[in-house]
Amino acid sequence: MDKKKLISKLILLAVAVAVLFVLNAVLDPYPLRIVNLAAIYIILALSMNLINGFTGLFSLGHAGFMAVGAYTTAILTMTPANKEMNFYMKPMIPFFANLQWGFLPAILMAGFVTAFFAFLIGAPVLKLTDDYLAIATLGFSEIIRIVLINTQSLSNGALGLKGIPNHATTAWTWGLAILTVILITLLMNSSYGKALRAIKEDEIAAKAMGINLFSHKLMSFIVGAFFAGIGGGLLGSQLGTIDPTLFKFTFTFNILLIVVLGGMGSITGSVVSAIIVTLSMEALRFLDESINLGFVVIPGIPGMRMVVFSLILMLVVIFKKDSGIKKSIALLVKKYAKSK
């Protein structure tokens, strides 16, 4: 890497850390949660971008990976007393009922457990392509959610888990987000990353150059799932309560929206898009409530912020000069049309 570029990136990192330190000191708890949520979305967006954007795999199973990470972290960090209060309908499995880990080993285990599930899922389905792969990964995501609903003694079923310790502080969320950016950047600048880009551009040419398509796709799938599990663990820790309905397909679509808006295959775009989308969703929340203009009161319409947010996204896509976003939108629409 060019020395000047390295110095500029280090300076940018130092400035970002300083800004986060100031925000952590001056912001109230609620705005600070939004800032931390932006960091979690950065991790989730980069994990999906690695699979969909850099490798060219059309995977829709991200919500399932987040669910595995969130439940793993919650089960490992909750106190035995709190687990006993949650599992009042059916006792928890004794081994897990008396288990309590620190947050760091728990969040790492969440990543590894999610990666293991990705290996089990990826081994049979990554031989599929395009819409078939999308349908298969979406199906496995739904299977994970249904299993969580029906494993009362492990996940507490549809009741979910409450009272999860909040370890998702600014240091943890943004520290892991920055680490994710660094690791994904190093991966994509390595020979493996170049191989993944080659697979996305032309699988036949990549195979002719001696690249093992299946092993590289599987590696990308597993690494992406690992970071998705970490992001899910952080999300569950910040929310304090999780249940299977939280991890429906719409959650996958929200992350996919961030990836496409930032540009598929762009690390910087995913970071910026995750921050903008998270802050915009909260900034428009006033549209769901009554607005008093002094001379007239406009009644709130639930869901109006989503309508306005969608219109803003449409305008951005229409008038944005960056062809990367337009190509990403076109590719996404094309693949969705195939899956129909």
C-alpha atoms as a PDB file:
ATOM      1  CA  MET A   1       0.000   0.000   0.000  1.00  0.00           C
ATOM      2  CA  ASP A   2       1.169   3.540  -0.791  1.00  0.00           C
ATOM      3  CA  LYS A   3       2.722   5.195   2.267  1.00  0.00           C
ATOM      4  CA  LYS A   4       0.717   8.390   1.764  1.00  0.00           C
ATOM      5  CA  LYS A   5      -2.556   6.448   1.542  1.00  0.00           C
ATOM      6  CA  LEU A   6      -1.680   4.527   4.695  1.00  0.00           C
ATOM      7  CA  ILE A   7      -0.940   7.740   6.590  1.00  0.00           C
ATOM      8  CA  SER A   8      -4.184   9.353   5.389  1.00  0.00           C
ATOM      9  CA  LYS A   9      -6.191   6.304   6.481  1.00  0.00           C
ATOM     10  CA  LEU A  10      -4.531   6.320   9.900  1.00  0.00           C
ATOM     11  CA  ILE A  11      -5.334  10.007  10.298  1.00  0.00           C
ATOM     12  CA  LEU A  12      -8.950   9.350   9.272  1.00  0.00           C
ATOM     13  CA  LEU A  13      -9.156   6.510  11.793  1.00  0.00           C
ATOM     14  CA  ALA A  14      -7.761   8.734  14.553  1.00  0.00           C
ATOM     15  CA  VAL A  15     -10.304  11.469  13.729  1.00  0.00           C
ATOM     16  CA  ALA A  16     -13.156   8.913  13.754  1.00  0.00           C
ATOM     17  CA  VAL A  17     -12.071   7.586  17.154  1.00  0.00           C
ATOM     18  CA  ALA A  18     -11.862  11.143  18.524  1.00  0.00           C
ATOM     19  CA  VAL A  19     -15.359  11.975  17.224  1.00  0.00           C
ATOM     20  CA  LEU A  20     -16.763   8.796  18.765  1.00  0.00           C
ATOM     21  CA  PHE A  21     -15.112   9.621  22.084  1.00  0.00           C
ATOM     22  CA  VAL A  22     -16.747  13.062  22.075  1.00  0.00           C
ATOM     23  CA  LEU A  23     -20.158  11.670  21.079  1.00  0.00           C
ATOM     24  CA  ASN A  24     -19.961   9.065  23.822  1.00  0.00           C
ATOM     25  CA  ALA A  25     -19.320  11.827  26.358  1.00  0.00           C
ATOM     26  CA  VAL A  26     -21.948  14.386  25.266  1.00  0.00           C
ATOM     27  CA  LEU A  27     -24.889  12.411  23.843  1.00  0.00           C
ATOM     28  CA  ASP A  28     -27.867  11.223  25.857  1.00  0.00           C
ATOM     29  CA  PRO A  29     -28.526   7.446  26.044  1.00  0.00           C
ATOM     30  CA  TYR A  30     -31.103   7.371  23.222  1.00  0.00           C
ATOM     31  CA  PRO A  31     -29.060   9.228  20.549  1.00  0.00           C
ATOM     32  CA  LEU A  32     -26.059   7.176  21.607  1.00  0.00           C
ATOM     33  CA  ARG A  33     -28.030   3.982  20.938  1.00  0.00           C
ATOM     34  CA  ILE A  34     -28.692   5.226  17.406  1.00  0.00           C
ATOM     35  CA  VAL A  35     -24.972   5.874  16.901  1.00  0.00           C
ATOM     36  CA  ASN A  36     -24.193   2.372  18.133  1.00  0.00           C
ATOM     37  CA  LEU A  37     -26.927   0.923  15.911  1.00  0.00           C
ATOM     38  CA  ALA A  38     -25.212   2.524  12.917  1.00  0.00           C
ATOM     39  CA  ALA A  39     -22.026   0.617  13.808  1.00  0.00           C
ATOM     40  CA  ILE A  40     -23.966  -2.654  14.006  1.00  0.00           C
ATOM     41  CA  TYR A  41     -25.486  -2.014  10.585  1.00  0.00           C
ATOM     42  CA  ILE A  42     -21.994  -1.371   9.223  1.00  0.00           C
ATOM     43  CA  ILE A  43     -20.933  -4.853  10.344  1.00  0.00           C
ATOM     44  CA  LEU A  44     -24.068  -6.441   8.898  1.00  0.00           C
ATOM     45  CA  ALA A  45     -23.793  -4.521   5.615  1.00  0.00           C
ATOM     46  CA  LEU A  46     -20.144  -5.470   5.131  1.00  0.00           C
ATOM     47  CA  SER A  47     -20.890  -9.122   5.898  1.00  0.00           C
ATOM     48  CA  MET A  48     -23.627  -9.187   3.256  1.00  0.00           C
ATOM     49  CA  ASN A  49     -21.538  -7.159   0.810  1.00  0.00           C
ATOM     50  CA  LEU A  50     -18.779  -9.758   1.031  1.00  0.00           C
ATOM     51  CA  ILE A  51     -21.218 -12.469  -0.077  1.00  0.00           C
ATOM     52  CA  ASN A  52     -23.473 -10.576  -2.484  1.00  0.00           C
ATOM     53  CA  GLY A  53     -21.309  -7.685  -3.622  1.00  0.00           C
ATOM     54  CA  PHE A  54     -17.757  -8.993  -3.833  1.00  0.00           C
ATOM     55  CA  THR A  55     -18.403 -12.656  -4.616  1.00  0.00           C
ATOM     56  CA  GLY A  56     -21.595 -12.225  -6.614  1.00  0.00           C
ATOM     57  CA  LEU A  57     -23.668 -14.759  -4.662  1.00  0.00           C
ATOM     58  CA  PHE A  58     -27.341 -13.838  -4.416  1.00  0.00           C
ATOM     59  CA  SER A  59     -27.916 -14.905  -0.801  1.00  0.00           C
ATOM     60  CA  LEU A  60     -31.027 -13.983   1.190  1.00  0.00           C
ATOM     61  CA  GLY A  61     -30.263 -15.889   4.382  1.00  0.00           C
ATOM     62  CA  HIS A  62     -28.739 -13.096   6.432  1.00  0.00           C
ATOM     63  CA  ALA A  63     -31.615 -12.817   8.905  1.00  0.00           C
ATOM     64  CA  GLY A  64     -31.092 -16.453   9.888  1.00  0.00           C
ATOM     65  CA  PHE A  65     -27.387 -15.871  10.520  1.00  0.00           C
ATOM     66  CA  MET A  66     -28.169 -12.824  12.649  1.00  0.00           C
ATOM     67  CA  ALA A  67     -30.671 -14.874  14.645  1.00  0.00           C
ATOM     68  CA  VAL A  68     -28.082 -17.559  15.402  1.00  0.00           C
ATOM     69  CA  GLY A  69     -25.577 -14.928  16.541  1.00  0.00           C
ATOM     70  CA  ALA A  70     -28.116 -13.043  18.654  1.00  0.00           C
ATOM     71  CA  TYR A  71     -29.418 -16.142  20.450  1.00  0.00           C
ATOM     72  CA  THR A  72     -25.922 -17.567  20.995  1.00  0.00           C
ATOM     73  CA  THR A  73     -24.689 -14.329  22.571  1.00  0.00           C
ATOM     74  CA  ALA A  74     -27.829 -13.957  24.689  1.00  0.00           C
ATOM     75  CA  ILE A  75     -27.731 -17.529  26.026  1.00  0.00           C
ATOM     76  CA  LEU A  76     -24.032 -17.284  26.889  1.00  0.00           C
ATOM     77  CA  THR A  77     -24.171 -13.869  28.604  1.00  0.00           C
ATOM     78  CA  MET A  78     -27.445 -14.065  30.559  1.00  0.00           C
ATOM     79  CA  THR A  79     -27.238 -14.912  34.253  1.00  0.00           C
ATOM     80  CA  PRO A  80     -28.675 -18.242  35.498  1.00  0.00           C
ATOM     81  CA  ALA A  81     -31.285 -16.344  37.534  1.00  0.00           C
ATOM     82  CA  ASN A  82     -32.417 -14.372  34.484  1.00  0.00           C
ATOM     83  CA  LYS A  83     -32.641 -17.571  32.426  1.00  0.00           C
ATOM     84  CA  GLU A  84     -34.793 -19.136  35.111  1.00  0.00           C
ATOM     85  CA  MET A  85     -37.209 -16.189  34.950  1.00  0.00           C
ATOM     86  CA  ASN A  86     -37.399 -16.383  31.148  1.00  0.00           C
ATOM     87  CA  PHE A  87     -37.922 -20.150  30.949  1.00  0.00           C
ATOM     88  CA  TYR A  88     -40.991 -20.365  33.208  1.00  0.00           C
ATOM     89  CA  MET A  89     -43.087 -22.462  30.810  1.00  0.00           C
ATOM     90  CA  LYS A  90     -40.453 -25.119  30.197  1.00  0.00           C
ATOM     91  CA  PRO A  91     -37.077 -25.364  31.971  1.00  0.00           C
ATOM     92  CA  MET A  92     -33.975 -24.612  29.962  1.00  0.00           C
ATOM     93  CA  ILE A  93     -31.491 -27.373  29.124  1.00  0.00           C
ATOM     94  CA  PRO A  94     -29.430 -27.730  32.367  1.00  0.00           C
ATOM     95  CA  PHE A  95     -26.063 -27.345  30.624  1.00  0.00           C
ATOM     96  CA  PHE A  96     -27.012 -23.924  29.213  1.00  0.00           C
ATOM     97  CA  ALA A  97     -29.075 -22.861  32.245  1.00  0.00           C
ATOM     98  CA  ASN A  98     -25.990 -22.643  34.472  1.00  0.00           C
ATOM     99  CA  LEU A  99     -23.640 -21.292  31.795  1.00  0.00           C
ATOM    100  CA  GLN A 100     -22.474 -17.667  31.798  1.00  0.00           C
ATOM    101  CA  TRP A 101     -19.566 -16.257  29.786  1.00  0.00           C
ATOM    102  CA  GLY A 102     -18.008 -12.862  29.400  1.00  0.00           C
ATOM    103  CA  PHE A 103     -19.063 -10.763  26.435  1.00  0.00           C
ATOM    104  CA  LEU A 104     -15.887 -11.148  24.338  1.00  0.00           C
ATOM    105  CA  PRO A 105     -15.808 -14.970  24.314  1.00  0.00           C
ATOM    106  CA  ALA A 106     -19.605 -15.016  23.864  1.00  0.00           C
ATOM    107  CA  ILE A 107     -19.576 -12.728  20.810  1.00  0.00           C
ATOM    108  CA  LEU A 108     -16.694 -14.695  19.267  1.00  0.00           C
ATOM    109  CA  MET A 109     -18.529 -17.960  19.890  1.00  0.00           C
ATOM    110  CA  ALA A 110     -21.597 -16.428  18.227  1.00  0.00           C
ATOM    111  CA  GLY A 111     -19.503 -15.775  15.140  1.00  0.00           C
ATOM    112  CA  PHE A 112     -18.060 -19.301  15.103  1.00  0.00           C
ATOM    113  CA  VAL A 113     -21.429 -20.986  15.677  1.00  0.00           C
ATOM    114  CA  THR A 114     -22.947 -18.930  12.853  1.00  0.00           C
ATOM    115  CA  ALA A 115     -20.005 -19.806  10.607  1.00  0.00           C
ATOM    116  CA  PHE A 116     -20.588 -23.486  11.372  1.00  0.00           C
ATOM    117  CA  PHE A 117     -24.236 -23.183  10.356  1.00  0.00           C
ATOM    118  CA  ALA A 118     -23.132 -21.368   7.198  1.00  0.00           C
ATOM    119  CA  PHE A 119     -20.842 -24.301   6.400  1.00  0.00           C
ATOM    120  CA  LEU A 120     -23.718 -26.764   6.846  1.00  0.00           C
ATOM    121  CA  ILE A 121     -25.971 -24.625   4.656  1.00  0.00           C
ATOM    122  CA  GLY A 122     -23.356 -23.585   2.101  1.00  0.00           C
ATOM    123  CA  ALA A 123     -21.958 -27.033   1.381  1.00  0.00           C
ATOM    124  CA  PRO A 124     -25.143 -28.218  -0.407  1.00  0.00           C
ATOM    125  CA  VAL A 125     -26.603 -24.924  -1.749  1.00  0.00           C
ATOM    126  CA  LEU A 126     -23.581 -23.058  -3.143  1.00  0.00           C
ATOM    127  CA  LYS A 127     -23.624 -25.302  -6.191  1.00  0.00           C
ATOM    128  CA  LEU A 128     -26.809 -23.459  -7.125  1.00  0.00           C
ATOM    129  CA  THR A 129     -26.786 -20.084  -8.864  1.00  0.00           C
ATOM    130  CA  ASP A 130     -28.824 -16.891  -9.042  1.00  0.00           C
ATOM    131  CA  ASP A 131     -32.501 -17.250  -8.117  1.00  0.00           C
ATOM    132  CA  TYR A 132     -32.121 -20.888  -7.029  1.00  0.00           C
ATOM    133  CA  LEU A 133     -29.452 -19.892  -4.511  1.00  0.00           C
ATOM    134  CA  ALA A 134     -31.601 -16.991  -3.288  1.00  0.00           C
ATOM    135  CA  ILE A 135     -34.604 -19.255  -2.712  1.00  0.00           C
ATOM    136  CA  ALA A 136     -32.486 -21.929  -0.991  1.00  0.00           C
ATOM    137  CA  THR A 137     -30.790 -19.492   1.414  1.00  0.00           C
ATOM    138  CA  LEU A 138     -34.103 -17.774   2.143  1.00  0.00           C
ATOM    139  CA  GLY A 139     -35.595 -21.180   2.925  1.00  0.00           C
ATOM    140  CA  PHE A 140     -32.783 -22.052   5.328  1.00  0.00           C
ATOM    141  CA  SER A 141     -33.214 -18.681   7.037  1.00  0.00           C
ATOM    142  CA  GLU A 142     -36.880 -19.432   7.604  1.00  0.00           C
ATOM    143  CA  ILE A 143     -36.004 -22.944   8.841  1.00  0.00           C
ATOM    144  CA  ILE A 144     -33.697 -21.412  11.467  1.00  0.00           C
ATOM    145  CA  ARG A 145     -36.476 -19.067  12.589  1.00  0.00           C
ATOM    146  CA  ILE A 146     -39.037 -21.881  12.813  1.00  0.00           C
ATOM    147  CA  VAL A 147     -36.576 -24.034  14.781  1.00  0.00           C
ATOM    148  CA  LEU A 148     -36.106 -21.172  17.249  1.00  0.00           C
ATOM    149  CA  ILE A 149     -39.879 -20.937  17.670  1.00  0.00           C
ATOM    150  CA  ASN A 150     -40.211 -24.657  18.418  1.00  0.00           C
ATOM    151  CA  THR A 151     -37.161 -25.246  20.647  1.00  0.00           C
ATOM    152  CA  GLN A 152     -38.793 -24.105  23.873  1.00  0.00           C
ATOM    153  CA  SER A 153     -36.087 -25.516  26.156  1.00  0.00           C
ATOM    154  CA  LEU A 154     -33.263 -23.778  24.280  1.00  0.00           C
ATOM    155  CA  SER A 155     -34.562 -20.529  22.784  1.00  0.00           C
ATOM    156  CA  ASN A 156     -37.734 -20.088  24.885  1.00  0.00           C
ATOM    157  CA  GLY A 157     -39.787 -20.439  21.699  1.00  0.00           C
ATOM    158  CA  ALA A 158     -42.021 -17.617  20.537  1.00  0.00           C
ATOM    159  CA  LEU A 159     -41.654 -15.856  23.911  1.00  0.00           C
ATOM    160  CA  GLY A 160     -38.059 -14.967  23.116  1.00  0.00           C
ATOM    161  CA  LEU A 161     -35.405 -13.858  25.579  1.00  0.00           C
ATOM    162  CA  LYS A 162     -35.643 -10.781  27.788  1.00  0.00           C
ATOM    163  CA  GLY A 163     -33.209  -9.052  30.098  1.00  0.00           C
ATOM    164  CA  ILE A 164     -30.146  -9.644  27.906  1.00  0.00           C
ATOM    165  CA  PRO A 165     -27.150  -7.788  29.421  1.00  0.00           C
ATOM    166  CA  ASN A 166     -26.371  -4.627  27.467  1.00  0.00           C
ATOM    167  CA  HIS A 167     -22.702  -4.888  26.507  1.00  0.00           C
ATOM    168  CA  ALA A 168     -23.163  -3.067  23.194  1.00  0.00           C
ATOM    169  CA  THR A 169     -21.393   0.105  24.278  1.00  0.00           C
ATOM    170  CA  THR A 170     -19.792   2.571  21.876  1.00  0.00           C
ATOM    171  CA  ALA A 171     -16.389   0.981  22.450  1.00  0.00           C
ATOM    172  CA  TRP A 172     -17.659  -2.510  21.595  1.00  0.00           C
ATOM    173  CA  THR A 173     -19.904  -1.639  18.651  1.00  0.00           C
ATOM    174  CA  TRP A 174     -17.594   0.798  16.902  1.00  0.00           C
ATOM    175  CA  GLY A 175     -14.474  -1.113  17.885  1.00  0.00           C
ATOM    176  CA  LEU A 176     -15.844  -4.246  16.209  1.00  0.00           C
ATOM    177  CA  ALA A 177     -17.148  -2.197  13.262  1.00  0.00           C
ATOM    178  CA  ILE A 178     -13.715  -0.669  12.645  1.00  0.00           C
ATOM    179  CA  LEU A 179     -12.092  -4.087  13.041  1.00  0.00           C
ATOM    180  CA  THR A 180     -14.566  -5.529  10.524  1.00  0.00           C
ATOM    181  CA  VAL A 181     -13.735  -2.795   8.004  1.00  0.00           C
ATOM    182  CA  ILE A 182     -10.015  -3.476   8.415  1.00  0.00           C
ATOM    183  CA  LEU A 183     -10.364  -7.264   8.109  1.00  0.00           C
ATOM    184  CA  ILE A 184     -12.664  -7.100   5.070  1.00  0.00           C
ATOM    185  CA  THR A 185     -10.295  -4.610   3.417  1.00  0.00           C
ATOM    186  CA  LEU A 186      -7.288  -6.855   4.048  1.00  0.00           C
ATOM    187  CA  LEU A 187      -9.220  -9.863   2.749  1.00  0.00           C
ATOM    188  CA  MET A 188     -10.260  -8.131  -0.464  1.00  0.00           C
ATOM    189  CA  ASN A 189      -6.706  -6.883  -1.081  1.00  0.00           C
ATOM    190  CA  SER A 190      -5.313 -10.395  -0.687  1.00  0.00           C
ATOM    191  CA  SER A 191      -5.106 -13.105  -3.326  1.00  0.00           C
ATOM    192  CA  TYR A 192      -8.346 -14.599  -1.975  1.00  0.00           C
ATOM    193  CA  GLY A 193     -10.120 -11.284  -2.442  1.00  0.00           C
ATOM    194  CA  LYS A 194      -8.878 -11.003  -6.019  1.00  0.00           C
ATOM    195  CA  ALA A 195     -10.120 -14.539  -6.640  1.00  0.00           C
ATOM    196  CA  LEU A 196     -13.560 -13.604  -5.262  1.00  0.00           C
ATOM    197  CA  ARG A 197     -13.716 -10.590  -7.585  1.00  0.00           C
ATOM    198  CA  ALA A 198     -12.720 -12.799 -10.507  1.00  0.00           C
ATOM    199  CA  ILE A 199     -15.506 -15.261  -9.662  1.00  0.00           C
ATOM    200  CA  LYS A 200     -18.021 -12.425  -9.616  1.00  0.00           C
ATOM    201  CA  GLU A 201     -16.888 -11.051 -12.976  1.00  0.00           C
ATOM    202  CA  ASP A 202     -16.672 -14.347 -14.888  1.00  0.00           C
ATOM    203  CA  GLU A 203     -16.831 -17.786 -13.310  1.00  0.00           C
ATOM    204  CA  ILE A 204     -15.691 -19.567 -16.474  1.00  0.00           C
ATOM    205  CA  ALA A 205     -12.604 -17.386 -16.816  1.00  0.00           C
ATOM    206  CA  ALA A 206     -11.855 -17.733 -13.090  1.00  0.00           C
ATOM    207  CA  LYS A 207     -12.085 -21.516 -13.326  1.00  0.00           C
ATOM    208  CA  ALA A 208      -9.808 -21.479 -16.374  1.00  0.00           C
ATOM    209  CA  MET A 209      -7.226 -19.572 -14.296  1.00  0.00           C
ATOM    210  CA  GLY A 210      -7.202 -22.406 -11.736  1.00  0.00           C
ATOM    211  CA  ILE A 211      -9.486 -20.865  -9.099  1.00  0.00           C
ATOM    212  CA  ASN A 212     -11.512 -23.412  -7.143  1.00  0.00           C
ATOM    213  CA  LEU A 213     -14.969 -21.878  -7.434  1.00  0.00           C
ATOM    214  CA  PHE A 214     -16.724 -23.914  -4.758  1.00  0.00           C
ATOM    215  CA  SER A 215     -14.062 -23.537  -2.049  1.00  0.00           C
ATOM    216  CA  HIS A 216     -13.773 -19.770  -2.583  1.00  0.00           C
ATOM    217  CA  LYS A 217     -17.558 -19.305  -2.582  1.00  0.00           C
ATOM    218  CA  LEU A 218     -17.844 -21.372   0.572  1.00  0.00           C
ATOM    219  CA  MET A 219     -15.078 -19.366   2.256  1.00  0.00           C
ATOM    220  CA  SER A 220     -16.830 -16.086   1.384  1.00  0.00           C
ATOM    221  CA  PHE A 221     -20.149 -17.487   2.644  1.00  0.00           C
ATOM    222  CA  ILE A 222     -18.636 -18.641   5.947  1.00  0.00           C
ATOM    223  CA  VAL A 223     -16.686 -15.418   6.593  1.00  0.00           C
ATOM    224  CA  GLY A 224     -19.745 -13.296   5.780  1.00  0.00           C
ATOM    225  CA  ALA A 225     -21.868 -15.408   8.138  1.00  0.00           C
ATOM    226  CA  PHE A 226     -19.227 -15.066  10.879  1.00  0.00           C
ATOM    227  CA  PHE A 227     -19.500 -11.274  10.826  1.00  0.00           C
ATOM    228  CA  ALA A 228     -23.306 -11.488  10.514  1.00  0.00           C
ATOM    229  CA  GLY A 229     -23.331 -13.565  13.717  1.00  0.00           C
ATOM    230  CA  ILE A 230     -21.235 -10.933  15.487  1.00  0.00           C
ATOM    231  CA  GLY A 231     -23.565  -8.196  14.241  1.00  0.00           C
ATOM    232  CA  GLY A 232     -26.594 -10.173  15.419  1.00  0.00           C
ATOM    233  CA  GLY A 233     -25.007 -10.694  18.826  1.00  0.00           C
ATOM    234  CA  LEU A 234     -24.381  -6.966  19.193  1.00  0.00           C
ATOM    235  CA  LEU A 235     -27.922  -6.176  18.069  1.00  0.00           C
ATOM    236  CA  GLY A 236     -29.471  -8.529  20.620  1.00  0.00           C
ATOM    237  CA  SER A 237     -27.245  -7.129  23.346  1.00  0.00           C
ATOM    238  CA  GLN A 238     -28.281  -3.564  22.525  1.00  0.00           C
ATOM    239  CA  LEU A 239     -32.008  -4.294  22.252  1.00  0.00           C
ATOM    240  CA  GLY A 240     -32.044  -6.314  25.475  1.00  0.00           C
ATOM    241  CA  THR A 241     -34.804  -8.566  24.163  1.00  0.00           C
ATOM    242  CA  ILE A 242     -35.082 -10.812  21.108  1.00  0.00           C
ATOM    243  CA  ASP A 243     -37.671 -13.151  19.642  1.00  0.00           C
ATOM    244  CA  PRO A 244     -37.976 -15.084  16.347  1.00  0.00           C
ATOM    245  CA  THR A 245     -40.273 -12.482  14.743  1.00  0.00           C
ATOM    246  CA  LEU A 246     -37.402  -9.979  14.817  1.00  0.00           C
ATOM    247  CA  PHE A 247     -35.477 -12.013  12.248  1.00  0.00           C
ATOM    248  CA  LYS A 248     -37.961 -12.228   9.402  1.00  0.00           C
ATOM    249  CA  PHE A 249     -37.043 -11.731   5.743  1.00  0.00           C
ATOM    250  CA  THR A 250     -37.700  -7.993   6.039  1.00  0.00           C
ATOM    251  CA  PHE A 251     -34.555  -7.714   8.163  1.00  0.00           C
ATOM    252  CA  THR A 252     -32.513  -9.226   5.330  1.00  0.00           C
ATOM    253  CA  PHE A 253     -34.089  -6.751   2.929  1.00  0.00           C
ATOM    254  CA  ASN A 254     -33.114  -3.809   5.183  1.00  0.00           C
ATOM    255  CA  ILE A 255     -29.468  -4.868   5.116  1.00  0.00           C
ATOM    256  CA  LEU A 256     -29.660  -5.539   1.369  1.00  0.00           C
ATOM    257  CA  LEU A 257     -31.027  -2.017   0.914  1.00  0.00           C
ATOM    258  CA  ILE A 258     -27.969  -0.551   2.656  1.00  0.00           C
ATOM    259  CA  VAL A 259     -25.615  -2.657   0.524  1.00  0.00           C
ATOM    260  CA  VAL A 260     -27.295  -1.696  -2.755  1.00  0.00           C
ATOM    261  CA  LEU A 261     -27.573   1.980  -1.857  1.00  0.00           C
ATOM    262  CA  GLY A 262     -23.872   2.128  -0.984  1.00  0.00           C
ATOM    263  CA  GLY A 263     -22.895   0.169  -4.076  1.00  0.00           C
ATOM    264  CA  MET A 264     -22.395  -3.578  -4.268  1.00  0.00           C
ATOM    265  CA  GLY A 265     -18.701  -4.340  -3.907  1.00  0.00           C
ATOM    266  CA  SER A 266     -17.855  -1.071  -2.121  1.00  0.00           C
ATOM    267  CA  ILE A 267     -16.582  -1.072   1.458  1.00  0.00           C
ATOM    268  CA  THR A 268     -16.682   2.700   1.817  1.00  0.00           C
ATOM    269  CA  GLY A 269     -20.164   2.798   0.296  1.00  0.00           C
ATOM    270  CA  SER A 270     -21.486   0.245   2.802  1.00  0.00           C
ATOM    271  CA  VAL A 271     -20.075   2.223   5.730  1.00  0.00           C
ATOM    272  CA  VAL A 272     -21.489   5.560   4.559  1.00  0.00           C
ATOM    273  CA  SER A 273     -24.817   4.051   3.527  1.00  0.00           C
ATOM    274  CA  ALA A 274     -25.267   2.255   6.877  1.00  0.00           C
ATOM    275  CA  ILE A 275     -24.729   5.515   8.774  1.00  0.00           C
ATOM    276  CA  ILE A 276     -27.007   7.577   6.513  1.00  0.00           C
ATOM    277  CA  VAL A 277     -29.843   5.031   6.458  1.00  0.00           C
ATOM    278  CA  THR A 278     -29.750   4.531  10.247  1.00  0.00           C
ATOM    279  CA  LEU A 279     -29.773   8.244  11.008  1.00  0.00           C
ATOM    280  CA  SER A 280     -32.397   8.993   8.338  1.00  0.00           C
ATOM    281  CA  MET A 281     -34.787   6.371   9.690  1.00  0.00           C
ATOM    282  CA  GLU A 282     -34.649   8.023  13.114  1.00  0.00           C
ATOM    283  CA  ALA A 283     -34.728  11.594  11.791  1.00  0.00           C
ATOM    284  CA  LEU A 284     -37.997  10.856   9.950  1.00  0.00           C
ATOM    285  CA  ARG A 285     -39.671   9.252  12.974  1.00  0.00           C
ATOM    286  CA  PHE A 286     -41.569  12.503  13.707  1.00  0.00           C
ATOM    287  CA  LEU A 287     -43.719  11.815  10.626  1.00  0.00           C
ATOM    288  CA  ASP A 288     -45.439   8.952  12.469  1.00  0.00           C
ATOM    289  CA  GLU A 289     -46.612  11.339  15.197  1.00  0.00           C
ATOM    290  CA  SER A 290     -48.923  14.375  15.248  1.00  0.00           C
ATOM    291  CA  ILE A 291     -47.294  17.587  14.015  1.00  0.00           C
ATOM    292  CA  ASN A 292     -48.408  20.884  15.597  1.00  0.00           C
ATOM    293  CA  LEU A 293     -47.763  23.808  13.226  1.00  0.00           C
ATOM    294  CA  GLY A 294     -49.372  26.334  15.577  1.00  0.00           C
ATOM    295  CA  PHE A 295     -52.399  27.105  13.416  1.00  0.00           C
ATOM    296  CA  VAL A 296     -53.163  23.499  12.532  1.00  0.00           C
ATOM    297  CA  VAL A 297     -52.424  20.039  13.920  1.00  0.00           C
ATOM    298  CA  ILE A 298     -51.584  17.360  11.368  1.00  0.00           C
ATOM    299  CA  PRO A 299     -52.509  13.929  12.720  1.00  0.00           C
ATOM    300  CA  GLY A 300     -49.771  11.328  12.637  1.00  0.00           C
ATOM    301  CA  ILE A 301     -49.997   8.450  10.180  1.00  0.00           C
ATOM    302  CA  PRO A 302     -48.238   5.265  11.331  1.00  0.00           C
ATOM    303  CA  GLY A 303     -45.744   4.149   8.712  1.00  0.00           C
ATOM    304  CA  MET A 304     -45.526   7.533   6.983  1.00  0.00           C
ATOM    305  CA  ARG A 305     -41.785   7.787   7.643  1.00  0.00           C
ATOM    306  CA  MET A 306     -41.256   4.582   5.654  1.00  0.00           C
ATOM    307  CA  VAL A 307     -43.212   6.049   2.738  1.00  0.00           C
ATOM    308  CA  VAL A 308     -41.171   9.257   2.770  1.00  0.00           C
ATOM    309  CA  PHE A 309     -37.941   7.316   3.228  1.00  0.00           C
ATOM    310  CA  SER A 310     -38.793   5.137   0.226  1.00  0.00           C
ATOM    311  CA  LEU A 311     -39.531   8.217  -1.889  1.00  0.00           C
ATOM    312  CA  ILE A 312     -36.167   9.718  -0.916  1.00  0.00           C
ATOM    313  CA  LEU A 313     -34.426   6.495  -1.919  1.00  0.00           C
ATOM    314  CA  MET A 314     -36.200   6.557  -5.285  1.00  0.00           C
ATOM    315  CA  LEU A 315     -35.058  10.135  -5.894  1.00  0.00           C
ATOM    316  CA  VAL A 316     -31.486   9.236  -4.938  1.00  0.00           C
ATOM    317  CA  VAL A 317     -31.463   6.331  -7.382  1.00  0.00           C
ATOM    318  CA  ILE A 318     -33.001   8.429 -10.186  1.00  0.00           C
ATOM    319  CA  PHE A 319     -30.786  11.498  -9.859  1.00  0.00           C
ATOM    320  CA  LYS A 320     -27.592   9.926  -8.499  1.00  0.00           C
ATOM    321  CA  LYS A 321     -24.789  10.311 -11.031  1.00  0.00           C
ATOM    322  CA  ASP A 322     -22.810   7.365  -9.664  1.00  0.00           C
ATOM    323  CA  SER A 323     -23.322   4.543 -12.144  1.00  0.00           C
ATOM    324  CA  GLY A 324     -22.287   1.989  -9.497  1.00  0.00           C
ATOM    325  CA  ILE A 325     -25.554   2.402  -7.607  1.00  0.00           C
ATOM    326  CA  LYS A 326     -27.579   2.248 -10.812  1.00  0.00           C
ATOM    327  CA  LYS A 327     -25.818  -0.943 -11.843  1.00  0.00           C
ATOM    328  CA  SER A 328     -26.413  -2.416  -8.386  1.00  0.00           C
ATOM    329  CA  ILE A 329     -30.114  -1.542  -8.519  1.00  0.00           C
ATOM    330  CA  ALA A 330     -30.421  -2.952 -12.036  1.00  0.00           C
ATOM    331  CA  LEU A 331     -28.668  -6.170 -11.012  1.00  0.00           C
ATOM    332  CA  LEU A 332     -30.860  -6.535  -7.913  1.00  0.00           C
ATOM    333  CA  VAL A 333     -34.079  -5.935  -9.884  1.00  0.00           C
ATOM    334  CA  LYS A 334     -32.973  -8.388 -12.555  1.00  0.00           C
ATOM    335  CA  LYS A 335     -32.272 -11.131 -10.019  1.00  0.00           C
ATOM    336  CA  TYR A 336     -35.543 -10.503  -8.170  1.00  0.00           C
ATOM    337  CA  ALA A 337     -37.392 -10.734 -11.481  1.00  0.00           C
ATOM    338  CA  LYS A 338     -35.754 -14.097 -12.147  1.00  0.00           C
ATOM    339  CA  SER A 339     -36.725 -15.396  -8.713  1.00  0.00           C
ATOM    340  CA  LYS A 340     -40.361 -14.569  -9.449  1.00  0.00           C
END
